[in-house]
Amino acid sequence: MTLADVKPGQSGKIVKIQITGALKRRLMDMGVVAGTVVRVEKVAPLGDPLEVQIKSYQLSLRKAEADKIEVEAVR
């Protein structure tokens, strides 16, 4: 499943990032790397953007970006 599929209040562990180029580098610099657990905090009313907690900070991602981040469910 992708990060865009995770519901608010649920967490997922990043498995793979299918983004390329400068955006991938920027996300990796912010801690979006395989093995990191992310928690979806909020989703905007129209579904875009998503607010996630990663490590100790909040990060907003577009739905198109979240669709390219594969995660596995964490209980």
PDB file of N, CA and C in Angstrom:
ATOM      1  N   MET A   1       0.838  -1.172   0.000  1.00  0.00           N
ATOM      2  CA  MET A   1       0.000   0.000   0.000  1.00  0.00           C
ATOM      3  C   MET A   1       0.887   1.241   0.000  1.00  0.00           C
ATOM      4  N   THR A   2       0.306   2.367  -0.287  1.00  0.00           N
ATOM      5  CA  THR A   2       1.083   3.605  -0.320  1.00  0.00           C
ATOM      6  C   THR A   2       0.736   4.477   0.878  1.00  0.00           C
ATOM      7  N   LEU A   3       1.536   5.493   1.110  1.00  0.00           N
ATOM      8  CA  LEU A   3       1.295   6.411   2.219  1.00  0.00           C
ATOM      9  C   LEU A   3      -0.045   7.123   2.054  1.00  0.00           C
ATOM     10  N   ALA A   4      -0.489   7.334   0.830  1.00  0.00           N
ATOM     11  CA  ALA A   4      -1.773   7.991   0.583  1.00  0.00           C
ATOM     12  C   ALA A   4      -2.952   7.129   1.040  1.00  0.00           C
ATOM     13  N   ASP A   5      -2.746   5.816   1.167  1.00  0.00           N
ATOM     14  CA  ASP A   5      -3.800   4.891   1.593  1.00  0.00           C
ATOM     15  C   ASP A   5      -3.948   4.819   3.111  1.00  0.00           C
ATOM     16  N   VAL A   6      -2.969   5.304   3.841  1.00  0.00           N
ATOM     17  CA  VAL A   6      -2.994   5.231   5.301  1.00  0.00           C
ATOM     18  C   VAL A   6      -3.980   6.265   5.839  1.00  0.00           C
ATOM     19  N   LYS A   7      -4.838   5.844   6.750  1.00  0.00           N
ATOM     20  CA  LYS A   7      -5.864   6.711   7.329  1.00  0.00           C
ATOM     21  C   LYS A   7      -5.278   7.541   8.472  1.00  0.00           C
ATOM     22  N   PRO A   8      -5.865   8.695   8.750  1.00  0.00           N
ATOM     23  CA  PRO A   8      -5.401   9.514   9.882  1.00  0.00           C
ATOM     24  C   PRO A   8      -5.419   8.713  11.187  1.00  0.00           C
ATOM     25  N   GLY A   9      -4.346   8.845  11.940  1.00  0.00           N
ATOM     26  CA  GLY A   9      -4.203   8.113  13.195  1.00  0.00           C
ATOM     27  C   GLY A   9      -3.476   6.794  13.050  1.00  0.00           C
ATOM     28  N   GLN A  10      -3.265   6.333  11.818  1.00  0.00           N
ATOM     29  CA  GLN A  10      -2.565   5.079  11.588  1.00  0.00           C
ATOM     30  C   GLN A  10      -1.111   5.347  11.206  1.00  0.00           C
ATOM     31  N   SER A  11      -0.298   4.316  11.374  1.00  0.00           N
ATOM     32  CA  SER A  11       1.127   4.432  11.058  1.00  0.00           C
ATOM     33  C   SER A  11       1.521   3.407  10.010  1.00  0.00           C
ATOM     34  N   GLY A  12       2.619   3.693   9.351  1.00  0.00           N
ATOM     35  CA  GLY A  12       3.179   2.770   8.376  1.00  0.00           C
ATOM     36  C   GLY A  12       4.692   2.896   8.357  1.00  0.00           C
ATOM     37  N   LYS A  13       5.348   1.806   8.009  1.00  0.00           N
ATOM     38  CA  LYS A  13       6.802   1.820   7.896  1.00  0.00           C
ATOM     39  C   LYS A  13       7.159   1.914   6.426  1.00  0.00           C
ATOM     40  N   ILE A  14       8.006   2.867   6.089  1.00  0.00           N
ATOM     41  CA  ILE A  14       8.391   3.088   4.693  1.00  0.00           C
ATOM     42  C   ILE A  14       9.171   1.887   4.182  1.00  0.00           C
ATOM     43  N   VAL A  15       8.734   1.385   3.029  1.00  0.00           N
ATOM     44  CA  VAL A  15       9.389   0.244   2.398  1.00  0.00           C
ATOM     45  C   VAL A  15      10.218   0.698   1.202  1.00  0.00           C
ATOM     46  N   LYS A  16       9.617   1.587   0.373  1.00  0.00           N
ATOM     47  CA  LYS A  16      10.286   2.003  -0.858  1.00  0.00           C
ATOM     48  C   LYS A  16       9.790   3.375  -1.270  1.00  0.00           C
ATOM     49  N   ILE A  17      10.678   4.186  -1.813  1.00  0.00           N
ATOM     50  CA  ILE A  17      10.323   5.505  -2.323  1.00  0.00           C
ATOM     51  C   ILE A  17      10.491   5.467  -3.840  1.00  0.00           C
ATOM     52  N   GLN A  18       9.404   5.702  -4.565  1.00  0.00           N
ATOM     53  CA  GLN A  18       9.441   5.632  -6.025  1.00  0.00           C
ATOM     54  C   GLN A  18       9.494   7.010  -6.658  1.00  0.00           C
ATOM     55  N   ILE A  19      10.069   7.956  -5.958  1.00  0.00           N
ATOM     56  CA  ILE A  19      10.240   9.318  -6.459  1.00  0.00           C
ATOM     57  C   ILE A  19      11.687   9.446  -6.910  1.00  0.00           C
ATOM     58  N   THR A  20      11.932  10.235  -7.954  1.00  0.00           N
ATOM     59  CA  THR A  20      13.296  10.400  -8.445  1.00  0.00           C
ATOM     60  C   THR A  20      13.705  11.864  -8.401  1.00  0.00           C
ATOM     61  N   GLY A  21      14.971  12.090  -8.609  1.00  0.00           N
ATOM     62  CA  GLY A  21      15.488  13.444  -8.755  1.00  0.00           C
ATOM     63  C   GLY A  21      15.653  14.208  -7.455  1.00  0.00           C
ATOM     64  N   ALA A  22      15.562  15.524  -7.591  1.00  0.00           N
ATOM     65  CA  ALA A  22      15.807  16.424  -6.467  1.00  0.00           C
ATOM     66  C   ALA A  22      14.784  16.243  -5.353  1.00  0.00           C
ATOM     67  N   LEU A  23      13.535  15.936  -5.715  1.00  0.00           N
ATOM     68  CA  LEU A  23      12.511  15.740  -4.691  1.00  0.00           C
ATOM     69  C   LEU A  23      12.845  14.540  -3.812  1.00  0.00           C
ATOM     70  N   LYS A  24      13.328  13.456  -4.410  1.00  0.00           N
ATOM     71  CA  LYS A  24      13.710  12.280  -3.619  1.00  0.00           C
ATOM     72  C   LYS A  24      14.833  12.638  -2.651  1.00  0.00           C
ATOM     73  N   ARG A  25      15.811  13.358  -3.117  1.00  0.00           N
ATOM     74  CA  ARG A  25      16.933  13.758  -2.267  1.00  0.00           C
ATOM     75  C   ARG A  25      16.443  14.624  -1.107  1.00  0.00           C
ATOM     76  N   ARG A  26      15.557  15.558  -1.412  1.00  0.00           N
ATOM     77  CA  ARG A  26      15.032  16.453  -0.372  1.00  0.00           C
ATOM     78  C   ARG A  26      14.240  15.676   0.676  1.00  0.00           C
ATOM     79  N   LEU A  27      13.392  14.750   0.232  1.00  0.00           N
ATOM     80  CA  LEU A  27      12.625  13.937   1.175  1.00  0.00           C
ATOM     81  C   LEU A  27      13.542  13.069   2.028  1.00  0.00           C
ATOM     82  N   MET A  28      14.561  12.501   1.404  1.00  0.00           N
ATOM     83  CA  MET A  28      15.509  11.669   2.157  1.00  0.00           C
ATOM     84  C   MET A  28      16.266  12.509   3.182  1.00  0.00           C
ATOM     85  N   ASP A  29      16.611  13.733   2.828  1.00  0.00           N
ATOM     86  CA  ASP A  29      17.283  14.622   3.777  1.00  0.00           C
ATOM     87  C   ASP A  29      16.396  14.940   4.982  1.00  0.00           C
ATOM     88  N   MET A  30      15.063  14.902   4.775  1.00  0.00           N
ATOM     89  CA  MET A  30      14.122  15.173   5.863  1.00  0.00           C
ATOM     90  C   MET A  30      13.760  13.912   6.648  1.00  0.00           C
ATOM     91  N   GLY A  31      14.377  12.786   6.314  1.00  0.00           N
ATOM     92  CA  GLY A  31      14.146  11.568   7.078  1.00  0.00           C
ATOM     93  C   GLY A  31      13.190  10.583   6.454  1.00  0.00           C
ATOM     94  N   VAL A  32      12.712  10.844   5.247  1.00  0.00           N
ATOM     95  CA  VAL A  32      11.802   9.920   4.567  1.00  0.00           C
ATOM     96  C   VAL A  32      12.666   8.868   3.876  1.00  0.00           C
ATOM     97  N   VAL A  33      13.030   7.834   4.638  1.00  0.00           N
ATOM     98  CA  VAL A  33      13.879   6.761   4.133  1.00  0.00           C
ATOM     99  C   VAL A  33      13.278   5.418   4.523  1.00  0.00           C
ATOM    100  N   ALA A  34      13.667   4.376   3.808  1.00  0.00           N
ATOM    101  CA  ALA A  34      13.161   3.033   4.090  1.00  0.00           C
ATOM    102  C   ALA A  34      13.450   2.661   5.548  1.00  0.00           C
ATOM    103  N   GLY A  35      12.448   2.057   6.179  1.00  0.00           N
ATOM    104  CA  GLY A  35      12.577   1.624   7.565  1.00  0.00           C
ATOM    105  C   GLY A  35      12.050   2.619   8.587  1.00  0.00           C
ATOM    106  N   THR A  36      11.762   3.833   8.171  1.00  0.00           N
ATOM    107  CA  THR A  36      11.262   4.870   9.074  1.00  0.00           C
ATOM    108  C   THR A  36       9.747   4.730   9.224  1.00  0.00           C
ATOM    109  N   VAL A  37       9.267   4.866  10.450  1.00  0.00           N
ATOM    110  CA  VAL A  37       7.830   4.806  10.711  1.00  0.00           C
ATOM    111  C   VAL A  37       7.250   6.214  10.603  1.00  0.00           C
ATOM    112  N   VAL A  38       6.162   6.332   9.854  1.00  0.00           N
ATOM    113  CA  VAL A  38       5.459   7.616   9.705  1.00  0.00           C
ATOM    114  C   VAL A  38       4.031   7.434  10.186  1.00  0.00           C
ATOM    115  N   ARG A  39       3.478   8.484  10.761  1.00  0.00           N
ATOM    116  CA  ARG A  39       2.092   8.464  11.253  1.00  0.00           C
ATOM    117  C   ARG A  39       1.329   9.566  10.538  1.00  0.00           C
ATOM    118  N   VAL A  40       0.208   9.216   9.933  1.00  0.00           N
ATOM    119  CA  VAL A  40      -0.632  10.209   9.267  1.00  0.00           C
ATOM    120  C   VAL A  40      -1.439  10.920  10.341  1.00  0.00           C
ATOM    121  N   GLU A  41      -1.246  12.218  10.457  1.00  0.00           N
ATOM    122  CA  GLU A  41      -1.940  13.017  11.469  1.00  0.00           C
ATOM    123  C   GLU A  41      -3.256  13.560  10.938  1.00  0.00           C
ATOM    124  N   LYS A  42      -3.226  14.189   9.769  1.00  0.00           N
ATOM    125  CA  LYS A  42      -4.421  14.809   9.198  1.00  0.00           C
ATOM    126  C   LYS A  42      -4.391  14.687   7.683  1.00  0.00           C
ATOM    127  N   VAL A  43      -5.592  14.708   7.115  1.00  0.00           N
ATOM    128  CA  VAL A  43      -5.734  14.777   5.665  1.00  0.00           C
ATOM    129  C   VAL A  43      -6.690  15.931   5.385  1.00  0.00           C
ATOM    130  N   ALA A  44      -6.326  16.789   4.462  1.00  0.00           N
ATOM    131  CA  ALA A  44      -7.174  17.932   4.109  1.00  0.00           C
ATOM    132  C   ALA A  44      -8.533  17.437   3.608  1.00  0.00           C
ATOM    133  N   PRO A  45      -9.571  18.265   3.722  1.00  0.00           N
ATOM    134  CA  PRO A  45     -10.925  17.848   3.324  1.00  0.00           C
ATOM    135  C   PRO A  45     -11.027  17.258   1.912  1.00  0.00           C
ATOM    136  N   LEU A  46     -10.276  17.765   0.989  1.00  0.00           N
ATOM    137  CA  LEU A  46     -10.322  17.229  -0.377  1.00  0.00           C
ATOM    138  C   LEU A  46      -9.251  16.164  -0.615  1.00  0.00           C
ATOM    139  N   GLY A  47      -8.543  15.755   0.455  1.00  0.00           N
ATOM    140  CA  GLY A  47      -7.562  14.685   0.345  1.00  0.00           C
ATOM    141  C   GLY A  47      -6.153  15.125   0.001  1.00  0.00           C
ATOM    142  N   ASP A  48      -5.934  16.412  -0.132  1.00  0.00           N
ATOM    143  CA  ASP A  48      -4.606  16.886  -0.525  1.00  0.00           C
ATOM    144  C   ASP A  48      -4.342  18.219   0.156  1.00  0.00           C
ATOM    145  N   PRO A  49      -3.345  18.397   0.955  1.00  0.00           N
ATOM    146  CA  PRO A  49      -2.222  17.525   1.291  1.00  0.00           C
ATOM    147  C   PRO A  49      -2.496  16.650   2.520  1.00  0.00           C
ATOM    148  N   LEU A  50      -1.516  15.798   2.818  1.00  0.00           N
ATOM    149  CA  LEU A  50      -1.530  14.973   4.012  1.00  0.00           C
ATOM    150  C   LEU A  50      -0.512  15.546   4.980  1.00  0.00           C
ATOM    151  N   GLU A  51      -0.827  15.528   6.257  1.00  0.00           N
ATOM    152  CA  GLU A  51       0.147  15.944   7.269  1.00  0.00           C
ATOM    153  C   GLU A  51       0.585  14.689   8.005  1.00  0.00           C
ATOM    154  N   VAL A  52       1.882  14.418   7.973  1.00  0.00           N
ATOM    155  CA  VAL A  52       2.420  13.227   8.617  1.00  0.00           C
ATOM    156  C   VAL A  52       3.443  13.615   9.671  1.00  0.00           C
ATOM    157  N   GLN A  53       3.573  12.743  10.657  1.00  0.00           N
ATOM    158  CA  GLN A  53       4.622  12.928  11.656  1.00  0.00           C
ATOM    159  C   GLN A  53       5.703  11.919  11.328  1.00  0.00           C
ATOM    160  N   ILE A  54       6.894  12.430  11.167  1.00  0.00           N
ATOM    161  CA  ILE A  54       8.040  11.580  10.886  1.00  0.00           C
ATOM    162  C   ILE A  54       9.148  12.012  11.830  1.00  0.00           C
ATOM    163  N   LYS A  55       9.665  11.031  12.544  1.00  0.00           N
ATOM    164  CA  LYS A  55      10.627  11.307  13.609  1.00  0.00           C
ATOM    165  C   LYS A  55      10.003  12.284  14.596  1.00  0.00           C
ATOM    166  N   SER A  56      10.525  13.474  14.762  1.00  0.00           N
ATOM    167  CA  SER A  56       9.974  14.382  15.780  1.00  0.00           C
ATOM    168  C   SER A  56       9.341  15.634  15.173  1.00  0.00           C
ATOM    169  N   TYR A  57       8.986  15.591  13.900  1.00  0.00           N
ATOM    170  CA  TYR A  57       8.414  16.792  13.289  1.00  0.00           C
ATOM    171  C   TYR A  57       7.266  16.461  12.345  1.00  0.00           C
ATOM    172  N   GLN A  58       6.502  17.477  11.980  1.00  0.00           N
ATOM    173  CA  GLN A  58       5.371  17.351  11.061  1.00  0.00           C
ATOM    174  C   GLN A  58       5.827  17.697   9.650  1.00  0.00           C
ATOM    175  N   LEU A  59       5.299  16.982   8.681  1.00  0.00           N
ATOM    176  CA  LEU A  59       5.643  17.198   7.285  1.00  0.00           C
ATOM    177  C   LEU A  59       4.370  17.110   6.456  1.00  0.00           C
ATOM    178  N   SER A  60       4.159  18.063   5.574  1.00  0.00           N
ATOM    179  CA  SER A  60       3.009  18.033   4.666  1.00  0.00           C
ATOM    180  C   SER A  60       3.469  17.516   3.310  1.00  0.00           C
ATOM    181  N   LEU A  61       2.716  16.563   2.779  1.00  0.00           N
ATOM    182  CA  LEU A  61       3.026  15.970   1.482  1.00  0.00           C
ATOM    183  C   LEU A  61       1.815  16.057   0.577  1.00  0.00           C
ATOM    184  N   ARG A  62       2.052  16.295  -0.691  1.00  0.00           N
ATOM    185  CA  ARG A  62       0.978  16.231  -1.672  1.00  0.00           C
ATOM    186  C   ARG A  62       0.559  14.775  -1.831  1.00  0.00           C
ATOM    187  N   LYS A  63      -0.694  14.569  -2.214  1.00  0.00           N
ATOM    188  CA  LYS A  63      -1.181  13.211  -2.398  1.00  0.00           C
ATOM    189  C   LYS A  63      -0.388  12.489  -3.492  1.00  0.00           C
ATOM    190  N   ALA A  64      -0.019  13.207  -4.542  1.00  0.00           N
ATOM    191  CA  ALA A  64       0.764  12.606  -5.632  1.00  0.00           C
ATOM    192  C   ALA A  64       2.114  12.098  -5.125  1.00  0.00           C
ATOM    193  N   GLU A  65       2.720  12.811  -4.179  1.00  0.00           N
ATOM    194  CA  GLU A  65       3.982  12.365  -3.596  1.00  0.00           C
ATOM    195  C   GLU A  65       3.755  11.165  -2.688  1.00  0.00           C
ATOM    196  N   ALA A  66       2.698  11.232  -1.871  1.00  0.00           N
ATOM    197  CA  ALA A  66       2.396  10.142  -0.943  1.00  0.00           C
ATOM    198  C   ALA A  66       2.062   8.852  -1.691  1.00  0.00           C
ATOM    199  N   ASP A  67       1.494   8.971  -2.893  1.00  0.00           N
ATOM    200  CA  ASP A  67       1.181   7.793  -3.714  1.00  0.00           C
ATOM    201  C   ASP A  67       2.439   7.060  -4.172  1.00  0.00           C
ATOM    202  N   LYS A  68       3.562   7.717  -4.141  1.00  0.00           N
ATOM    203  CA  LYS A  68       4.810   7.111  -4.612  1.00  0.00           C
ATOM    204  C   LYS A  68       5.701   6.624  -3.467  1.00  0.00           C
ATOM    205  N   ILE A  69       5.158   6.624  -2.243  1.00  0.00           N
ATOM    206  CA  ILE A  69       5.899   6.132  -1.085  1.00  0.00           C
ATOM    207  C   ILE A  69       5.183   4.875  -0.596  1.00  0.00           C
ATOM    208  N   GLU A  70       5.835   3.716  -0.799  1.00  0.00           N
ATOM    209  CA  GLU A  70       5.243   2.438  -0.371  1.00  0.00           C
ATOM    210  C   GLU A  70       5.499   2.241   1.121  1.00  0.00           C
ATOM    211  N   VAL A  71       4.456   1.814   1.831  1.00  0.00           N
ATOM    212  CA  VAL A  71       4.570   1.543   3.259  1.00  0.00           C
ATOM    213  C   VAL A  71       3.921   0.206   3.581  1.00  0.00           C
ATOM    214  N   GLU A  72       4.310  -0.341   4.735  1.00  0.00           N
ATOM    215  CA  GLU A  72       3.620  -1.518   5.263  1.00  0.00           C
ATOM    216  C   GLU A  72       2.983  -1.110   6.578  1.00  0.00           C
ATOM    217  N   ALA A  73       1.842  -1.680   6.882  1.00  0.00           N
ATOM    218  CA  ALA A  73       1.089  -1.320   8.075  1.00  0.00           C
ATOM    219  C   ALA A  73       1.874  -1.636   9.335  1.00  0.00           C
ATOM    220  N   VAL A  74       1.768  -0.743  10.305  1.00  0.00           N
ATOM    221  CA  VAL A  74       2.391  -0.929  11.618  1.00  0.00           C
ATOM    222  C   VAL A  74       1.269  -0.910  12.638  1.00  0.00           C
ATOM    223  N   ARG A  75       1.222  -1.864  13.505  1.00  0.00           N
ATOM    224  CA  ARG A  75       0.162  -1.925  14.520  1.00  0.00           C
ATOM    225  C   ARG A  75       0.628  -1.349  15.819  1.00  0.00           C
TER     226      ARG A  75
END
